[in-house]
PDB file of N, CA and C in Angstrom:
ATOM      1  N   MET A   1      -1.048   9.003   3.770  1.00  0.00           N
ATOM      2  CA  MET A   1      -1.571   9.049   2.447  1.00  0.00           C
ATOM      3  C   MET A   1      -1.660  10.459   2.500  1.00  0.00           C
ATOM      4  N   ILE A   2      -1.896  10.855   1.165  1.00  0.00           N
ATOM      5  CA  ILE A   2      -1.859  11.925   0.286  1.00  0.00           C
ATOM      6  C   ILE A   2      -2.749  12.075  -0.869  1.00  0.00           C
ATOM      7  N   PHE A   3      -3.771  12.869  -0.905  1.00  0.00           N
ATOM      8  CA  PHE A   3      -4.797  13.179  -1.858  1.00  0.00           C
ATOM      9  C   PHE A   3      -4.855  14.489  -2.165  1.00  0.00           C
ATOM     10  N   THR A   4      -4.496  15.094  -3.169  1.00  0.00           N
ATOM     11  CA  THR A   4      -4.389  16.059  -3.293  1.00  0.00           C
ATOM     12  C   THR A   4      -4.491  17.286  -2.336  1.00  0.00           C
ATOM     13  N   ASP A   5      -3.297  17.173  -2.101  1.00  0.00           N
ATOM     14  CA  ASP A   5      -2.362  18.332  -0.353  1.00  0.00           C
ATOM     15  C   ASP A   5      -3.533  18.095   0.777  1.00  0.00           C
ATOM     16  N   LYS A   6      -3.789  16.779   1.198  1.00  0.00           N
ATOM     17  CA  LYS A   6      -4.650  16.584   2.082  1.00  0.00           C
ATOM     18  C   LYS A   6      -4.355  15.581   2.500  1.00  0.00           C
ATOM     19  N   ILE A   7      -4.294  15.334   4.106  1.00  0.00           N
ATOM     20  CA  ILE A   7      -3.558  13.754   4.224  1.00  0.00           C
ATOM     21  C   ILE A   7      -5.004  13.377   5.249  1.00  0.00           C
ATOM     22  N   VAL A   8      -4.347  11.918   4.979  1.00  0.00           N
ATOM     23  CA  VAL A   8      -5.376  11.032   4.891  1.00  0.00           C
ATOM     24  C   VAL A   8      -5.421  10.055   6.316  1.00  0.00           C
ATOM     25  N   ALA A   9      -6.036   9.585   7.123  1.00  0.00           N
ATOM     26  CA  ALA A   9      -5.561   8.498   8.311  1.00  0.00           C
ATOM     27  C   ALA A   9      -5.859   6.987   7.545  1.00  0.00           C
ATOM     28  N   VAL A  10      -5.349   7.028   5.948  1.00  0.00           N
ATOM     29  CA  VAL A  10      -5.359   5.799   6.144  1.00  0.00           C
ATOM     30  C   VAL A  10      -3.459   5.262   6.009  1.00  0.00           C
ATOM     31  N   THR A  11      -3.612   3.945   5.448  1.00  0.00           N
ATOM     32  CA  THR A  11      -1.902   3.778   5.626  1.00  0.00           C
ATOM     33  C   THR A  11      -1.924   2.762   4.566  1.00  0.00           C
ATOM     34  N   PHE A  12      -0.803   2.470   3.735  1.00  0.00           N
ATOM     35  CA  PHE A  12       0.038   1.668   2.901  1.00  0.00           C
ATOM     36  C   PHE A  12      -0.481   0.527   3.502  1.00  0.00           C
ATOM     37  N   GLU A  13      -0.216  -0.456   4.448  1.00  0.00           N
ATOM     38  CA  GLU A  13      -1.051  -2.077   4.876  1.00  0.00           C
ATOM     39  C   GLU A  13      -2.269  -1.578   5.144  1.00  0.00           C
ATOM     40  N   GLU A  14      -2.934  -0.839   5.470  1.00  0.00           N
ATOM     41  CA  GLU A  14      -4.916  -0.757   5.174  1.00  0.00           C
ATOM     42  C   GLU A  14      -4.466  -1.130   4.019  1.00  0.00           C
ATOM     43  N   VAL A  15      -4.340   0.231   2.849  1.00  0.00           N
ATOM     44  CA  VAL A  15      -4.454  -0.382   1.405  1.00  0.00           C
ATOM     45  C   VAL A  15      -4.538  -1.664   0.582  1.00  0.00           C
ATOM     46  N   LEU A  16      -2.551  -2.055   1.111  1.00  0.00           N
ATOM     47  CA  LEU A  16      -3.074  -3.672   1.054  1.00  0.00           C
ATOM     48  C   LEU A  16      -3.249  -4.532   1.372  1.00  0.00           C
ATOM     49  N   ILE A  17      -3.617  -4.802   2.710  1.00  0.00           N
ATOM     50  CA  ILE A  17      -4.583  -5.808   2.696  1.00  0.00           C
ATOM     51  C   ILE A  17      -6.682  -5.319   2.182  1.00  0.00           C
ATOM     52  N   PHE A  18      -6.731  -4.665   1.847  1.00  0.00           N
ATOM     53  CA  PHE A  18      -8.083  -3.852   1.487  1.00  0.00           C
ATOM     54  C   PHE A  18      -8.001  -4.975   0.060  1.00  0.00           C
ATOM     55  N   ILE A  19      -6.453  -4.840  -1.170  1.00  0.00           N
ATOM     56  CA  ILE A  19      -6.590  -5.012  -2.082  1.00  0.00           C
ATOM     57  C   ILE A  19      -6.594  -6.972  -2.382  1.00  0.00           C
ATOM     58  N   THR A  20      -5.699  -6.774  -1.674  1.00  0.00           N
ATOM     59  CA  THR A  20      -4.148  -8.579  -1.583  1.00  0.00           C
ATOM     60  C   THR A  20      -4.927  -9.820  -0.192  1.00  0.00           C
ATOM     61  N   GLY A  21      -5.315  -8.433   0.685  1.00  0.00           N
ATOM     62  CA  GLY A  21      -5.753  -9.549   1.748  1.00  0.00           C
ATOM     63  C   GLY A  21      -4.170  -9.916   2.479  1.00  0.00           C
ATOM     64  N   ALA A  22      -3.129  -9.562   1.994  1.00  0.00           N
ATOM     65  CA  ALA A  22      -2.250  -9.382   2.628  1.00  0.00           C
ATOM     66  C   ALA A  22      -1.587  -8.093   3.497  1.00  0.00           C
ATOM     67  N   ASP A  23      -0.800  -8.189   4.261  1.00  0.00           N
ATOM     68  CA  ASP A  23      -0.618  -7.084   5.663  1.00  0.00           C
ATOM     69  C   ASP A  23       1.044  -7.149   5.154  1.00  0.00           C
ATOM     70  N   THR A  24       1.989  -7.629   4.449  1.00  0.00           N
ATOM     71  CA  THR A  24       3.071  -7.229   3.947  1.00  0.00           C
ATOM     72  C   THR A  24       3.508  -7.585   2.701  1.00  0.00           C
ATOM     73  N   THR A  25       4.128  -7.814   1.756  1.00  0.00           N
ATOM     74  CA  THR A  25       4.435  -7.524   0.808  1.00  0.00           C
ATOM     75  C   THR A  25       5.223  -9.472   0.668  1.00  0.00           C
ATOM     76  N   PRO A  26       4.421 -10.596  -0.011  1.00  0.00           N
ATOM     77  CA  PRO A  26       5.865 -11.918   0.262  1.00  0.00           C
ATOM     78  C   PRO A  26       6.949 -11.903  -0.212  1.00  0.00           C
ATOM     79  N   PRO A  27       8.114 -11.983   0.338  1.00  0.00           N
ATOM     80  CA  PRO A  27       9.167 -12.233   0.071  1.00  0.00           C
ATOM     81  C   PRO A  27       9.436 -13.046  -1.434  1.00  0.00           C
ATOM     82  N   CYS A  28       8.631 -13.187  -2.079  1.00  0.00           N
ATOM     83  CA  CYS A  28       8.792 -13.944  -3.442  1.00  0.00           C
ATOM     84  C   CYS A  28       7.742 -12.760  -4.366  1.00  0.00           C
ATOM     85  N   GLY A  29       6.983 -11.507  -3.968  1.00  0.00           N
ATOM     86  CA  GLY A  29       6.055 -11.114  -4.467  1.00  0.00           C
ATOM     87  C   GLY A  29       4.111 -11.720  -5.044  1.00  0.00           C
ATOM     88  N   PHE A  30       4.130 -10.808  -5.773  1.00  0.00           N
ATOM     89  CA  PHE A  30       2.484 -11.474  -5.527  1.00  0.00           C
ATOM     90  C   PHE A  30       2.509 -12.288  -7.203  1.00  0.00           C
ATOM     91  N   SER A  31       1.385 -13.544  -7.360  1.00  0.00           N
ATOM     92  CA  SER A  31       1.396 -13.927  -8.279  1.00  0.00           C
ATOM     93  C   SER A  31       1.530 -13.487  -9.155  1.00  0.00           C
ATOM     94  N   SER A  32       0.522 -11.937  -9.576  1.00  0.00           N
ATOM     95  CA  SER A  32       0.033 -11.353 -10.549  1.00  0.00           C
ATOM     96  C   SER A  32       0.104  -9.558 -10.486  1.00  0.00           C
ATOM     97  N   LYS A  33       0.083  -9.196 -11.624  1.00  0.00           N
ATOM     98  CA  LYS A  33       0.376  -6.968 -10.716  1.00  0.00           C
ATOM     99  C   LYS A  33      -1.289  -6.935 -10.645  1.00  0.00           C
ATOM    100  N   ILE A  34      -1.676  -5.953  -9.088  1.00  0.00           N
ATOM    101  CA  ILE A  34      -2.872  -5.633  -9.043  1.00  0.00           C
ATOM    102  C   ILE A  34      -3.315  -5.163  -9.986  1.00  0.00           C
ATOM    103  N   VAL A  35      -4.668  -5.222  -9.884  1.00  0.00           N
ATOM    104  CA  VAL A  35      -5.938  -4.611 -11.467  1.00  0.00           C
ATOM    105  C   VAL A  35      -6.402  -3.556 -10.766  1.00  0.00           C
ATOM    106  N   ILE A  36      -7.163  -2.365 -11.381  1.00  0.00           N
ATOM    107  CA  ILE A  36      -7.240  -1.710 -10.799  1.00  0.00           C
ATOM    108  C   ILE A  36      -8.458  -1.313 -12.257  1.00  0.00           C
ATOM    109  N   GLU A  37      -9.590  -1.464 -12.316  1.00  0.00           N
ATOM    110  CA  GLU A  37     -10.601  -1.991 -12.870  1.00  0.00           C
ATOM    111  C   GLU A  37     -11.541  -0.603 -12.492  1.00  0.00           C
ATOM    112  N   PHE A  38     -12.435   0.162 -13.574  1.00  0.00           N
ATOM    113  CA  PHE A  38     -13.361   0.760 -13.400  1.00  0.00           C
ATOM    114  C   PHE A  38     -15.283   0.508 -13.610  1.00  0.00           C
ATOM    115  N   TYR A  39     -16.171   0.884 -12.639  1.00  0.00           N
ATOM    116  CA  TYR A  39     -18.135   0.543 -13.314  1.00  0.00           C
ATOM    117  C   TYR A  39     -18.465   1.505 -12.596  1.00  0.00           C
ATOM    118  N   SER A  40     -19.232   2.031 -13.264  1.00  0.00           N
ATOM    119  CA  SER A  40     -20.318   2.739 -13.677  1.00  0.00           C
ATOM    120  C   SER A  40     -21.324   3.112 -12.856  1.00  0.00           C
ATOM    121  N   ASN A  41     -21.354   3.772 -12.106  1.00  0.00           N
ATOM    122  CA  ASN A  41     -22.568   4.330 -11.144  1.00  0.00           C
ATOM    123  C   ASN A  41     -24.206   4.516 -11.713  1.00  0.00           C
ATOM    124  N   ASP A  42     -24.685   4.043 -13.101  1.00  0.00           N
ATOM    125  CA  ASP A  42     -25.575   4.374 -13.353  1.00  0.00           C
ATOM    126  C   ASP A  42     -26.795   3.852 -13.247  1.00  0.00           C
ATOM    127  N   SER A  43     -27.117   3.805 -12.411  1.00  0.00           N
ATOM    128  CA  SER A  43     -28.109   2.973 -12.220  1.00  0.00           C
ATOM    129  C   SER A  43     -28.842   3.079 -11.045  1.00  0.00           C
ATOM    130  N   GLY A  44     -27.895   4.680 -10.038  1.00  0.00           N
ATOM    131  CA  GLY A  44     -28.440   6.012  -9.174  1.00  0.00           C
ATOM    132  C   GLY A  44     -28.064   5.167  -7.973  1.00  0.00           C
ATOM    133  N   CYS A  45     -27.308   4.251  -7.696  1.00  0.00           N
ATOM    134  CA  CYS A  45     -26.779   4.109  -6.312  1.00  0.00           C
ATOM    135  C   CYS A  45     -25.930   3.940  -6.402  1.00  0.00           C
ATOM    136  N   SER A  46     -24.961   4.486  -4.940  1.00  0.00           N
ATOM    137  CA  SER A  46     -23.831   4.362  -4.575  1.00  0.00           C
ATOM    138  C   SER A  46     -23.075   3.229  -3.824  1.00  0.00           C
ATOM    139  N   ARG A  47     -22.536   3.323  -4.529  1.00  0.00           N
ATOM    140  CA  ARG A  47     -21.745   2.218  -5.070  1.00  0.00           C
ATOM    141  C   ARG A  47     -20.132   2.107  -4.361  1.00  0.00           C
ATOM    142  N   ILE A  48     -19.752   1.957  -2.678  1.00  0.00           N
ATOM    143  CA  ILE A  48     -17.785   2.069  -2.930  1.00  0.00           C
ATOM    144  C   ILE A  48     -17.213   1.185  -3.569  1.00  0.00           C
ATOM    145  N   PRO A  49     -15.812   1.252  -3.599  1.00  0.00           N
ATOM    146  CA  PRO A  49     -15.227   1.186  -4.010  1.00  0.00           C
ATOM    147  C   PRO A  49     -14.836  -0.605  -3.475  1.00  0.00           C
ATOM    148  N   PHE A  50     -14.569  -1.709  -4.411  1.00  0.00           N
ATOM    149  CA  PHE A  50     -14.318  -2.509  -3.887  1.00  0.00           C
ATOM    150  C   PHE A  50     -13.007  -3.549  -4.209  1.00  0.00           C
ATOM    151  N   ALA A  51     -12.669  -4.327  -3.621  1.00  0.00           N
ATOM    152  CA  ALA A  51     -11.803  -5.317  -4.444  1.00  0.00           C
ATOM    153  C   ALA A  51     -11.833  -7.129  -4.837  1.00  0.00           C
ATOM    154  N   SER A  52     -11.705  -7.154  -5.201  1.00  0.00           N
ATOM    155  CA  SER A  52     -10.959  -8.530  -5.230  1.00  0.00           C
ATOM    156  C   SER A  52      -9.549  -9.235  -4.803  1.00  0.00           C
ATOM    157  N   THR A  53      -9.389 -10.158  -3.576  1.00  0.00           N
ATOM    158  CA  THR A  53      -8.317 -10.477  -3.074  1.00  0.00           C
ATOM    159  C   THR A  53      -7.809 -11.971  -3.812  1.00  0.00           C
ATOM    160  N   CYS A  54      -8.471 -12.728  -4.306  1.00  0.00           N
ATOM    161  CA  CYS A  54      -8.670 -13.723  -4.938  1.00  0.00           C
ATOM    162  C   CYS A  54      -7.695 -13.375  -6.696  1.00  0.00           C
ATOM    163  N   SER A  55      -8.217 -12.186  -7.019  1.00  0.00           N
ATOM    164  CA  SER A  55      -7.314 -11.621  -8.799  1.00  0.00           C
ATOM    165  C   SER A  55      -6.881 -10.502  -8.180  1.00  0.00           C
ATOM    166  N   LEU A  56      -6.648  -9.391  -7.390  1.00  0.00           N
ATOM    167  CA  LEU A  56      -5.955  -8.624  -7.125  1.00  0.00           C
ATOM    168  C   LEU A  56      -6.188  -6.972  -8.003  1.00  0.00           C
ATOM    169  N   THR A  57      -7.989  -6.861  -7.816  1.00  0.00           N
ATOM    170  CA  THR A  57      -8.929  -6.391  -8.624  1.00  0.00           C
ATOM    171  C   THR A  57      -8.864  -5.542  -7.369  1.00  0.00           C
ATOM    172  N   LEU A  58      -8.740  -3.867  -7.871  1.00  0.00           N
ATOM    173  CA  LEU A  58      -9.554  -2.729  -7.191  1.00  0.00           C
ATOM    174  C   LEU A  58     -10.706  -2.356  -7.853  1.00  0.00           C
ATOM    175  N   SER A  59     -12.201  -2.399  -7.633  1.00  0.00           N
ATOM    176  CA  SER A  59     -12.527  -1.259  -8.774  1.00  0.00           C
ATOM    177  C   SER A  59     -12.932  -0.346  -7.994  1.00  0.00           C
ATOM    178  N   LEU A  60     -12.942   1.193  -8.729  1.00  0.00           N
ATOM    179  CA  LEU A  60     -13.485   2.229  -8.164  1.00  0.00           C
ATOM    180  C   LEU A  60     -14.533   2.657  -9.698  1.00  0.00           C
ATOM    181  N   PRO A  61     -15.589   3.431  -8.832  1.00  0.00           N
ATOM    182  CA  PRO A  61     -16.338   4.194  -9.570  1.00  0.00           C
ATOM    183  C   PRO A  61     -16.522   5.119 -10.957  1.00  0.00           C
ATOM    184  N   ARG A  62     -16.423   5.265 -12.013  1.00  0.00           N
ATOM    185  CA  ARG A  62     -16.128   5.856 -12.346  1.00  0.00           C
ATOM    186  C   ARG A  62     -16.660   7.013 -12.911  1.00  0.00           C
ATOM    187  N   GLY A  63     -16.709   8.745 -13.082  1.00  0.00           N
ATOM    188  CA  GLY A  63     -16.885   9.829 -13.350  1.00  0.00           C
ATOM    189  C   GLY A  63     -17.339  10.371 -11.694  1.00  0.00           C
ATOM    190  N   MET A  64     -16.277   9.538 -11.156  1.00  0.00           N
ATOM    191  CA  MET A  64     -15.846  10.709  -9.274  1.00  0.00           C
ATOM    192  C   MET A  64     -15.604  12.258 -10.163  1.00  0.00           C
ATOM    193  N   ASN A  65     -16.277  13.059 -10.099  1.00  0.00           N
ATOM    194  CA  ASN A  65     -16.171  14.350 -10.584  1.00  0.00           C
ATOM    195  C   ASN A  65     -15.493  15.267  -9.325  1.00  0.00           C
ATOM    196  N   ASN A  66     -15.750  15.420  -8.196  1.00  0.00           N
ATOM    197  CA  ASN A  66     -15.779  15.642  -7.057  1.00  0.00           C
ATOM    198  C   ASN A  66     -14.349  15.216  -6.223  1.00  0.00           C
ATOM    199  N   PRO A  67     -13.199  14.956  -6.099  1.00  0.00           N
ATOM    200  CA  PRO A  67     -12.258  14.907  -4.944  1.00  0.00           C
ATOM    201  C   PRO A  67     -12.345  14.029  -3.538  1.00  0.00           C
ATOM    202  N   ASP A  68     -13.358  15.508  -3.211  1.00  0.00           N
ATOM    203  CA  ASP A  68     -13.895  14.926  -1.460  1.00  0.00           C
ATOM    204  C   ASP A  68     -15.106  13.780  -1.298  1.00  0.00           C
ATOM    205  N   ILE A  69     -15.449  14.055  -2.441  1.00  0.00           N
ATOM    206  CA  ILE A  69     -16.803  12.643  -2.192  1.00  0.00           C
ATOM    207  C   ILE A  69     -15.891  11.053  -2.733  1.00  0.00           C
ATOM    208  N   PHE A  70     -15.008  11.261  -3.282  1.00  0.00           N
ATOM    209  CA  PHE A  70     -14.013   9.965  -3.518  1.00  0.00           C
ATOM    210  C   PHE A  70     -13.124  10.098  -3.186  1.00  0.00           C
ATOM    211  N   ARG A  71     -12.729  11.025  -1.489  1.00  0.00           N
ATOM    212  CA  ARG A  71     -11.854  10.512  -0.829  1.00  0.00           C
ATOM    213  C   ARG A  71     -12.821   9.731   0.268  1.00  0.00           C
ATOM    214  N   ALA A  72     -13.991  10.368   0.354  1.00  0.00           N
ATOM    215  CA  ALA A  72     -15.170   9.273   1.468  1.00  0.00           C
ATOM    216  C   ALA A  72     -15.141   8.727   0.896  1.00  0.00           C
ATOM    217  N   ILE A  73     -15.097   8.197  -0.005  1.00  0.00           N
ATOM    218  CA  ILE A  73     -15.938   6.991  -0.417  1.00  0.00           C
ATOM    219  C   ILE A  73     -14.682   5.956  -0.305  1.00  0.00           C
ATOM    220  N   MET A  74     -13.545   6.010  -0.925  1.00  0.00           N
ATOM    221  CA  MET A  74     -12.283   5.162  -0.463  1.00  0.00           C
ATOM    222  C   MET A  74     -12.128   4.917   0.882  1.00  0.00           C
ATOM    223  N   VAL A  75     -11.796   5.811   1.610  1.00  0.00           N
ATOM    224  CA  VAL A  75     -11.594   5.698   3.260  1.00  0.00           C
ATOM    225  C   VAL A  75     -12.814   4.737   4.112  1.00  0.00           C
ATOM    226  N   ARG A  76     -13.873   5.299   3.020  1.00  0.00           N
ATOM    227  CA  ARG A  76     -14.890   4.443   4.386  1.00  0.00           C
ATOM    228  C   ARG A  76     -14.825   3.180   3.699  1.00  0.00           C
ATOM    229  N   ALA A  77     -14.413   2.542   2.492  1.00  0.00           N
ATOM    230  CA  ALA A  77     -14.763   1.534   2.092  1.00  0.00           C
ATOM    231  C   ALA A  77     -13.530   0.666   3.209  1.00  0.00           C
ATOM    232  N   LEU A  78     -11.565   1.253   2.744  1.00  0.00           N
ATOM    233  CA  LEU A  78     -10.990   0.825   3.143  1.00  0.00           C
ATOM    234  C   LEU A  78     -10.888   1.009   4.926  1.00  0.00           C
ATOM    235  N   LYS A  79     -11.292   1.547   6.091  1.00  0.00           N
ATOM    236  CA  LYS A  79     -11.898   1.437   6.958  1.00  0.00           C
ATOM    237  C   LYS A  79     -12.840   0.051   7.365  1.00  0.00           C
ATOM    238  N   GLU A  80     -13.708   0.254   6.251  1.00  0.00           N
ATOM    239  CA  GLU A  80     -15.054  -0.796   6.680  1.00  0.00           C
ATOM    240  C   GLU A  80     -15.141  -1.702   6.379  1.00  0.00           C
ATOM    241  N   SER A  81     -14.361  -2.516   5.582  1.00  0.00           N
ATOM    242  CA  SER A  81     -14.271  -3.629   4.925  1.00  0.00           C
ATOM    243  C   SER A  81     -13.437  -4.360   6.142  1.00  0.00           C
ATOM    244  N   HIS A  82     -14.208  -5.715   6.611  1.00  0.00           N
ATOM    245  CA  HIS A  82     -14.019  -6.548   7.869  1.00  0.00           C
ATOM    246  C   HIS A  82     -13.168  -7.130   7.055  1.00  0.00           C
ATOM    247  N   GLY A  83     -12.503  -7.307   5.743  1.00  0.00           N
ATOM    248  CA  GLY A  83     -11.489  -8.363   5.571  1.00  0.00           C
ATOM    249  C   GLY A  83     -10.850  -9.774   6.620  1.00  0.00           C
ATOM    250  N   PHE A  84      -9.978  -9.702   6.535  1.00  0.00           N
ATOM    251  CA  PHE A  84      -9.854 -11.220   6.974  1.00  0.00           C
ATOM    252  C   PHE A  84      -9.303 -11.220   8.341  1.00  0.00           C
ATOM    253  N   GLY A  85     -10.143 -11.849   8.922  1.00  0.00           N
ATOM    254  CA  GLY A  85      -9.418 -12.497  10.211  1.00  0.00           C
ATOM    255  C   GLY A  85     -10.300 -10.786  10.763  1.00  0.00           C
ATOM    256  N   LYS A  86     -11.218 -10.313  10.641  1.00  0.00           N
ATOM    257  CA  LYS A  86     -11.359  -8.856  11.664  1.00  0.00           C
ATOM    258  C   LYS A  86     -13.316  -9.070  11.929  1.00  0.00           C
ATOM    259  N   ILE A  87     -14.031 -10.578  11.332  1.00  0.00           N
ATOM    260  CA  ILE A  87     -15.211 -10.616  12.040  1.00  0.00           C
ATOM    261  C   ILE A  87     -15.122 -10.850  13.016  1.00  0.00           C
TER     262      ILE A  87
END
């Protein structure tokens, strides 16, 4: 995956699993489209991106001005997520 000309060791499969819980697209597709929502970090604590696999919703922090920090927290969310069957 490439973010602003930098290569990140994240696969499409990891992103798909993080958002949907599935490692491949179902033969008939998903029941709904993937939704991206944004949340505020007004509380002062840092919160990494998260997903709801039931509603196919990816929640990202609002106001990330530094692409390197965003990349780091996104990769952390994807790599450190337990997901289904990883516990």
